[in-house]
Amino acid sequence: MIKSSKIGKKSVELQSAARPSRIRRDPPGGDADRLARAAWWNSSEWEIRLALAGMAFFALAIAAVVIDLGELVSR
């Protein structure tokens, strides 16, 4: 059998942390009504609605340009 080597590094005793963890474990307090309004405006549902309205507006604008160009060319 091979004998274990004594050349390796010695283990170090770790000390406990000098100060406690700074991780926040509880959610921050706040006005429930203010948080409810913020959640309503930041809703992904509103984002989807606004995106669809923007696409419809852009499509109408392109259609208007195409119709106007058709009128100019046909004269």
PDB file of N, CA and C in Angstrom:
ATOM      1  N   MET A   1       0.831  -1.182   0.000  1.00  0.00           N
ATOM      2  CA  MET A   1       0.000   0.000   0.000  1.00  0.00           C
ATOM      3  C   MET A   1       0.875   1.245   0.000  1.00  0.00           C
ATOM      4  N   ILE A   2       0.338   2.328  -0.531  1.00  0.00           N
ATOM      5  CA  ILE A   2       1.077   3.592  -0.593  1.00  0.00           C
ATOM      6  C   ILE A   2       0.754   4.407   0.638  1.00  0.00           C
ATOM      7  N   LYS A   3       1.783   4.985   1.241  1.00  0.00           N
ATOM      8  CA  LYS A   3       1.569   5.837   2.403  1.00  0.00           C
ATOM      9  C   LYS A   3       1.150   7.233   1.932  1.00  0.00           C
ATOM     10  N   SER A   4       0.261   7.910   2.696  1.00  0.00           N
ATOM     11  CA  SER A   4      -0.173   9.256   2.325  1.00  0.00           C
ATOM     12  C   SER A   4       0.955  10.256   2.537  1.00  0.00           C
ATOM     13  N   SER A   5       1.045  11.230   1.661  1.00  0.00           N
ATOM     14  CA  SER A   5       2.106  12.224   1.698  1.00  0.00           C
ATOM     15  C   SER A   5       1.807  13.294   2.732  1.00  0.00           C
ATOM     16  N   LYS A   6       2.827  13.825   3.376  1.00  0.00           N
ATOM     17  CA  LYS A   6       2.661  14.895   4.360  1.00  0.00           C
ATOM     18  C   LYS A   6       3.095  16.235   3.780  1.00  0.00           C
ATOM     19  N   ILE A   7       3.272  16.325   2.474  1.00  0.00           N
ATOM     20  CA  ILE A   7       3.760  17.536   1.822  1.00  0.00           C
ATOM     21  C   ILE A   7       2.615  18.523   1.568  1.00  0.00           C
ATOM     22  N   GLY A   8       1.379  18.103   1.476  1.00  0.00           N
ATOM     23  CA  GLY A   8       0.252  18.946   1.105  1.00  0.00           C
ATOM     24  C   GLY A   8       0.003  20.098   2.067  1.00  0.00           C
ATOM     25  N   LYS A   9      -0.902  20.991   1.644  1.00  0.00           N
ATOM     26  CA  LYS A   9      -1.244  22.154   2.469  1.00  0.00           C
ATOM     27  C   LYS A   9      -2.033  21.729   3.688  1.00  0.00           C
ATOM     28  N   LYS A  10      -1.875  22.497   4.746  1.00  0.00           N
ATOM     29  CA  LYS A  10      -2.606  22.214   5.971  1.00  0.00           C
ATOM     30  C   LYS A  10      -3.988  22.869   5.891  1.00  0.00           C
ATOM     31  N   SER A  11      -4.978  22.275   6.528  1.00  0.00           N
ATOM     32  CA  SER A  11      -6.321  22.850   6.522  1.00  0.00           C
ATOM     33  C   SER A  11      -6.364  24.093   7.408  1.00  0.00           C
ATOM     34  N   VAL A  12      -7.250  24.996   7.039  1.00  0.00           N
ATOM     35  CA  VAL A  12      -7.385  26.264   7.751  1.00  0.00           C
ATOM     36  C   VAL A  12      -8.730  26.284   8.454  1.00  0.00           C
ATOM     37  N   GLU A  13      -8.756  26.711   9.692  1.00  0.00           N
ATOM     38  CA  GLU A  13     -10.005  26.850  10.433  1.00  0.00           C
ATOM     39  C   GLU A  13     -10.680  28.150  10.012  1.00  0.00           C
ATOM     40  N   LEU A  14     -11.915  28.047   9.497  1.00  0.00           N
ATOM     41  CA  LEU A  14     -12.658  29.229   9.074  1.00  0.00           C
ATOM     42  C   LEU A  14     -13.405  29.815  10.253  1.00  0.00           C
ATOM     43  N   GLN A  15     -13.410  31.158  10.326  1.00  0.00           N
ATOM     44  CA  GLN A  15     -14.128  31.838  11.396  1.00  0.00           C
ATOM     45  C   GLN A  15     -15.522  32.208  10.900  1.00  0.00           C
ATOM     46  N   SER A  16     -16.430  32.395  11.826  1.00  0.00           N
ATOM     47  CA  SER A  16     -17.784  32.797  11.440  1.00  0.00           C
ATOM     48  C   SER A  16     -17.750  34.241  10.940  1.00  0.00           C
ATOM     49  N   ALA A  17     -18.793  34.617  10.199  1.00  0.00           N
ATOM     50  CA  ALA A  17     -18.847  35.956   9.612  1.00  0.00           C
ATOM     51  C   ALA A  17     -18.867  37.019  10.709  1.00  0.00           C
ATOM     52  N   ALA A  18     -18.134  38.106  10.475  1.00  0.00           N
ATOM     53  CA  ALA A  18     -18.056  39.175  11.463  1.00  0.00           C
ATOM     54  C   ALA A  18     -19.359  39.962  11.536  1.00  0.00           C
ATOM     55  N   ARG A  19     -20.076  40.047  10.421  1.00  0.00           N
ATOM     56  CA  ARG A  19     -21.345  40.775  10.411  1.00  0.00           C
ATOM     57  C   ARG A  19     -22.418  39.895   9.755  1.00  0.00           C
ATOM     58  N   PRO A  20     -23.657  40.113  10.113  1.00  0.00           N
ATOM     59  CA  PRO A  20     -24.720  39.262   9.545  1.00  0.00           C
ATOM     60  C   PRO A  20     -24.949  39.567   8.070  1.00  0.00           C
ATOM     61  N   SER A  21     -25.659  38.683   7.415  1.00  0.00           N
ATOM     62  CA  SER A  21     -25.967  38.837   6.005  1.00  0.00           C
ATOM     63  C   SER A  21     -26.835  40.067   5.777  1.00  0.00           C
ATOM     64  N   ARG A  22     -26.607  40.758   4.644  1.00  0.00           N
ATOM     65  CA  ARG A  22     -27.377  41.958   4.341  1.00  0.00           C
ATOM     66  C   ARG A  22     -28.491  41.676   3.333  1.00  0.00           C
ATOM     67  N   ILE A  23     -28.799  40.420   3.116  1.00  0.00           N
ATOM     68  CA  ILE A  23     -29.846  40.058   2.170  1.00  0.00           C
ATOM     69  C   ILE A  23     -31.201  40.360   2.794  1.00  0.00           C
ATOM     70  N   ARG A  24     -32.037  41.075   2.057  1.00  0.00           N
ATOM     71  CA  ARG A  24     -33.376  41.403   2.551  1.00  0.00           C
ATOM     72  C   ARG A  24     -34.266  40.192   2.372  1.00  0.00           C
ATOM     73  N   ARG A  25     -34.856  39.734   3.452  1.00  0.00           N
ATOM     74  CA  ARG A  25     -35.685  38.541   3.398  1.00  0.00           C
ATOM     75  C   ARG A  25     -37.168  38.851   3.365  1.00  0.00           C
ATOM     76  N   ASP A  26     -37.569  40.023   3.799  1.00  0.00           N
ATOM     77  CA  ASP A  26     -38.969  40.420   3.774  1.00  0.00           C
ATOM     78  C   ASP A  26     -39.183  41.413   2.648  1.00  0.00           C
ATOM     79  N   PRO A  27     -40.328  41.376   1.977  1.00  0.00           N
ATOM     80  CA  PRO A  27     -40.574  42.371   0.929  1.00  0.00           C
ATOM     81  C   PRO A  27     -40.683  43.760   1.548  1.00  0.00           C
ATOM     82  N   PRO A  28     -40.270  44.774   0.813  1.00  0.00           N
ATOM     83  CA  PRO A  28     -40.344  46.123   1.363  1.00  0.00           C
ATOM     84  C   PRO A  28     -41.793  46.534   1.590  1.00  0.00           C
ATOM     85  N   GLY A  29     -42.016  47.240   2.653  1.00  0.00           N
ATOM     86  CA  GLY A  29     -43.362  47.711   2.961  1.00  0.00           C
ATOM     87  C   GLY A  29     -43.729  48.886   2.073  1.00  0.00           C
ATOM     88  N   GLY A  30     -44.998  49.145   1.945  1.00  0.00           N
ATOM     89  CA  GLY A  30     -45.419  50.263   1.100  1.00  0.00           C
ATOM     90  C   GLY A  30     -46.923  50.365   1.073  1.00  0.00           C
ATOM     91  N   ASP A  31     -47.366  51.396   0.458  1.00  0.00           N
ATOM     92  CA  ASP A  31     -48.791  51.631   0.332  1.00  0.00           C
ATOM     93  C   ASP A  31     -49.372  50.628  -0.662  1.00  0.00           C
ATOM     94  N   ALA A  32     -50.344  49.847  -0.241  1.00  0.00           N
ATOM     95  CA  ALA A  32     -50.919  48.810  -1.094  1.00  0.00           C
ATOM     96  C   ALA A  32     -51.626  49.416  -2.302  1.00  0.00           C
ATOM     97  N   ASP A  33     -52.276  50.576  -2.115  1.00  0.00           N
ATOM     98  CA  ASP A  33     -52.990  51.220  -3.229  1.00  0.00           C
ATOM     99  C   ASP A  33     -52.010  51.688  -4.299  1.00  0.00           C
ATOM    100  N   ARG A  34     -50.894  52.250  -3.883  1.00  0.00           N
ATOM    101  CA  ARG A  34     -49.882  52.723  -4.831  1.00  0.00           C
ATOM    102  C   ARG A  34     -49.302  51.544  -5.602  1.00  0.00           C
ATOM    103  N   LEU A  35     -49.062  50.443  -4.916  1.00  0.00           N
ATOM    104  CA  LEU A  35     -48.538  49.264  -5.583  1.00  0.00           C
ATOM    105  C   LEU A  35     -49.559  48.673  -6.551  1.00  0.00           C
ATOM    106  N   ALA A  36     -50.834  48.742  -6.206  1.00  0.00           N
ATOM    107  CA  ALA A  36     -51.876  48.218  -7.088  1.00  0.00           C
ATOM    108  C   ALA A  36     -51.972  49.051  -8.362  1.00  0.00           C
ATOM    109  N   ARG A  37     -51.863  50.382  -8.238  1.00  0.00           N
ATOM    110  CA  ARG A  37     -51.899  51.239  -9.431  1.00  0.00           C
ATOM    111  C   ARG A  37     -50.694  50.979 -10.313  1.00  0.00           C
ATOM    112  N   ALA A  38     -49.529  50.821  -9.714  1.00  0.00           N
ATOM    113  CA  ALA A  38     -48.314  50.563 -10.489  1.00  0.00           C
ATOM    114  C   ALA A  38     -48.429  49.223 -11.212  1.00  0.00           C
ATOM    115  N   ALA A  39     -48.995  48.233 -10.564  1.00  0.00           N
ATOM    116  CA  ALA A  39     -49.149  46.928 -11.204  1.00  0.00           C
ATOM    117  C   ALA A  39     -50.143  47.015 -12.357  1.00  0.00           C
ATOM    118  N   TRP A  40     -51.160  47.856 -12.230  1.00  0.00           N
ATOM    119  CA  TRP A  40     -52.158  47.989 -13.293  1.00  0.00           C
ATOM    120  C   TRP A  40     -51.525  48.622 -14.530  1.00  0.00           C
ATOM    121  N   TRP A  41     -50.722  49.668 -14.354  1.00  0.00           N
ATOM    122  CA  TRP A  41     -50.114  50.338 -15.505  1.00  0.00           C
ATOM    123  C   TRP A  41     -48.944  49.557 -16.072  1.00  0.00           C
ATOM    124  N   ASN A  42     -48.267  48.762 -15.280  1.00  0.00           N
ATOM    125  CA  ASN A  42     -47.131  47.989 -15.773  1.00  0.00           C
ATOM    126  C   ASN A  42     -47.544  46.609 -16.242  1.00  0.00           C
ATOM    127  N   SER A  43     -48.830  46.408 -16.372  1.00  0.00           N
ATOM    128  CA  SER A  43     -49.340  45.102 -16.738  1.00  0.00           C
ATOM    129  C   SER A  43     -48.935  44.743 -18.167  1.00  0.00           C
ATOM    130  N   SER A  44     -48.589  43.486 -18.374  1.00  0.00           N
ATOM    131  CA  SER A  44     -48.231  43.045 -19.721  1.00  0.00           C
ATOM    132  C   SER A  44     -49.465  43.043 -20.624  1.00  0.00           C
ATOM    133  N   GLU A  45     -50.655  42.967 -20.016  1.00  0.00           N
ATOM    134  CA  GLU A  45     -51.877  43.021 -20.812  1.00  0.00           C
ATOM    135  C   GLU A  45     -51.991  44.373 -21.517  1.00  0.00           C
ATOM    136  N   TRP A  46     -51.692  45.458 -20.814  1.00  0.00           N
ATOM    137  CA  TRP A  46     -51.729  46.791 -21.430  1.00  0.00           C
ATOM    138  C   TRP A  46     -50.641  46.921 -22.481  1.00  0.00           C
ATOM    139  N   GLU A  47     -49.498  46.331 -22.240  1.00  0.00           N
ATOM    140  CA  GLU A  47     -48.413  46.388 -23.213  1.00  0.00           C
ATOM    141  C   GLU A  47     -48.833  45.709 -24.516  1.00  0.00           C
ATOM    142  N   ILE A  48     -49.513  44.584 -24.404  1.00  0.00           N
ATOM    143  CA  ILE A  48     -49.978  43.868 -25.593  1.00  0.00           C
ATOM    144  C   ILE A  48     -51.021  44.703 -26.330  1.00  0.00           C
ATOM    145  N   ARG A  49     -51.946  45.308 -25.591  1.00  0.00           N
ATOM    146  CA  ARG A  49     -52.988  46.128 -26.223  1.00  0.00           C
ATOM    147  C   ARG A  49     -52.379  47.315 -26.963  1.00  0.00           C
ATOM    148  N   LEU A  50     -51.425  47.991 -26.332  1.00  0.00           N
ATOM    149  CA  LEU A  50     -50.792  49.145 -26.976  1.00  0.00           C
ATOM    150  C   LEU A  50     -49.982  48.725 -28.202  1.00  0.00           C
ATOM    151  N   ALA A  51     -49.352  47.569 -28.147  1.00  0.00           N
ATOM    152  CA  ALA A  51     -48.598  47.081 -29.304  1.00  0.00           C
ATOM    153  C   ALA A  51     -49.546  46.789 -30.472  1.00  0.00           C
ATOM    154  N   LEU A  52     -50.682  46.169 -30.192  1.00  0.00           N
ATOM    155  CA  LEU A  52     -51.648  45.895 -31.256  1.00  0.00           C
ATOM    156  C   LEU A  52     -52.219  47.183 -31.843  1.00  0.00           C
ATOM    157  N   ALA A  53     -52.495  48.170 -30.992  1.00  0.00           N
ATOM    158  CA  ALA A  53     -53.001  49.452 -31.487  1.00  0.00           C
ATOM    159  C   ALA A  53     -51.950  50.148 -32.355  1.00  0.00           C
ATOM    160  N   GLY A  54     -50.689  50.070 -31.975  1.00  0.00           N
ATOM    161  CA  GLY A  54     -49.618  50.661 -32.766  1.00  0.00           C
ATOM    162  C   GLY A  54     -49.472  49.996 -34.121  1.00  0.00           C
ATOM    163  N   MET A  55     -49.592  48.675 -34.155  1.00  0.00           N
ATOM    164  CA  MET A  55     -49.508  47.970 -35.433  1.00  0.00           C
ATOM    165  C   MET A  55     -50.683  48.325 -36.344  1.00  0.00           C
ATOM    166  N   ALA A  56     -51.871  48.456 -35.773  1.00  0.00           N
ATOM    167  CA  ALA A  56     -53.047  48.814 -36.577  1.00  0.00           C
ATOM    168  C   ALA A  56     -52.891  50.230 -37.135  1.00  0.00           C
ATOM    169  N   PHE A  57     -52.401  51.161 -36.322  1.00  0.00           N
ATOM    170  CA  PHE A  57     -52.182  52.530 -36.773  1.00  0.00           C
ATOM    171  C   PHE A  57     -51.139  52.570 -37.894  1.00  0.00           C
ATOM    172  N   PHE A  58     -50.067  51.804 -37.747  1.00  0.00           N
ATOM    173  CA  PHE A  58     -49.021  51.754 -38.769  1.00  0.00           C
ATOM    174  C   PHE A  58     -49.564  51.175 -40.071  1.00  0.00           C
ATOM    175  N   ALA A  59     -50.394  50.145 -39.981  1.00  0.00           N
ATOM    176  CA  ALA A  59     -50.988  49.540 -41.180  1.00  0.00           C
ATOM    177  C   ALA A  59     -51.910  50.529 -41.887  1.00  0.00           C
ATOM    178  N   LEU A  60     -52.686  51.293 -41.119  1.00  0.00           N
ATOM    179  CA  LEU A  60     -53.559  52.302 -41.727  1.00  0.00           C
ATOM    180  C   LEU A  60     -52.741  53.400 -42.409  1.00  0.00           C
ATOM    181  N   ALA A  61     -51.641  53.785 -41.794  1.00  0.00           N
ATOM    182  CA  ALA A  61     -50.787  54.820 -42.389  1.00  0.00           C
ATOM    183  C   ALA A  61     -50.182  54.327 -43.701  1.00  0.00           C
ATOM    184  N   ILE A  62     -49.729  53.101 -43.744  1.00  0.00           N
ATOM    185  CA  ILE A  62     -49.159  52.557 -44.980  1.00  0.00           C
ATOM    186  C   ILE A  62     -50.238  52.452 -46.056  1.00  0.00           C
ATOM    187  N   ALA A  63     -51.438  52.024 -45.673  1.00  0.00           N
ATOM    188  CA  ALA A  63     -52.529  51.926 -46.638  1.00  0.00           C
ATOM    189  C   ALA A  63     -52.871  53.299 -47.209  1.00  0.00           C
ATOM    190  N   ALA A  64     -52.874  54.336 -46.369  1.00  0.00           N
ATOM    191  CA  ALA A  64     -53.166  55.689 -46.847  1.00  0.00           C
ATOM    192  C   ALA A  64     -52.101  56.164 -47.832  1.00  0.00           C
ATOM    193  N   VAL A  65     -50.853  55.879 -47.559  1.00  0.00           N
ATOM    194  CA  VAL A  65     -49.771  56.282 -48.463  1.00  0.00           C
ATOM    195  C   VAL A  65     -49.895  55.556 -49.801  1.00  0.00           C
ATOM    196  N   VAL A  66     -50.202  54.274 -49.756  1.00  0.00           N
ATOM    197  CA  VAL A  66     -50.338  53.502 -50.995  1.00  0.00           C
ATOM    198  C   VAL A  66     -51.501  54.035 -51.825  1.00  0.00           C
ATOM    199  N   ILE A  67     -52.623  54.326 -51.191  1.00  0.00           N
ATOM    200  CA  ILE A  67     -53.787  54.850 -51.919  1.00  0.00           C
ATOM    201  C   ILE A  67     -53.479  56.216 -52.521  1.00  0.00           C
ATOM    202  N   ASP A  68     -52.802  57.080 -51.760  1.00  0.00           N
ATOM    203  CA  ASP A  68     -52.439  58.401 -52.280  1.00  0.00           C
ATOM    204  C   ASP A  68     -51.480  58.292 -53.469  1.00  0.00           C
ATOM    205  N   LEU A  69     -50.520  57.416 -53.379  1.00  0.00           N
ATOM    206  CA  LEU A  69     -49.591  57.231 -54.501  1.00  0.00           C
ATOM    207  C   LEU A  69     -50.331  56.679 -55.730  1.00  0.00           C
ATOM    208  N   GLY A  70     -51.280  55.792 -55.497  1.00  0.00           N
ATOM    209  CA  GLY A  70     -52.080  55.276 -56.606  1.00  0.00           C
ATOM    210  C   GLY A  70     -52.875  56.372 -57.278  1.00  0.00           C
ATOM    211  N   GLU A  71     -53.432  57.278 -56.510  1.00  0.00           N
ATOM    212  CA  GLU A  71     -54.187  58.418 -57.069  1.00  0.00           C
ATOM    213  C   GLU A  71     -53.276  59.331 -57.881  1.00  0.00           C
ATOM    214  N   LEU A  72     -52.085  59.595 -57.385  1.00  0.00           N
ATOM    215  CA  LEU A  72     -51.153  60.476 -58.096  1.00  0.00           C
ATOM    216  C   LEU A  72     -50.690  59.852 -59.410  1.00  0.00           C
ATOM    217  N   VAL A  73     -50.423  58.565 -59.409  1.00  0.00           N
ATOM    218  CA  VAL A  73     -49.912  57.895 -60.607  1.00  0.00           C
ATOM    219  C   VAL A  73     -51.015  57.747 -61.654  1.00  0.00           C
ATOM    220  N   SER A  74     -52.246  57.553 -61.250  1.00  0.00           N
ATOM    221  CA  SER A  74     -53.320  57.302 -62.194  1.00  0.00           C
ATOM    222  C   SER A  74     -53.785  58.562 -62.934  1.00  0.00           C
ATOM    223  N   ARG A  75     -53.388  59.722 -62.500  1.00  0.00           N
ATOM    224  CA  ARG A  75     -53.814  60.968 -63.165  1.00  0.00           C
ATOM    225  C   ARG A  75     -53.021  61.286 -64.368  1.00  0.00           C
TER     226      ARG A  75
END
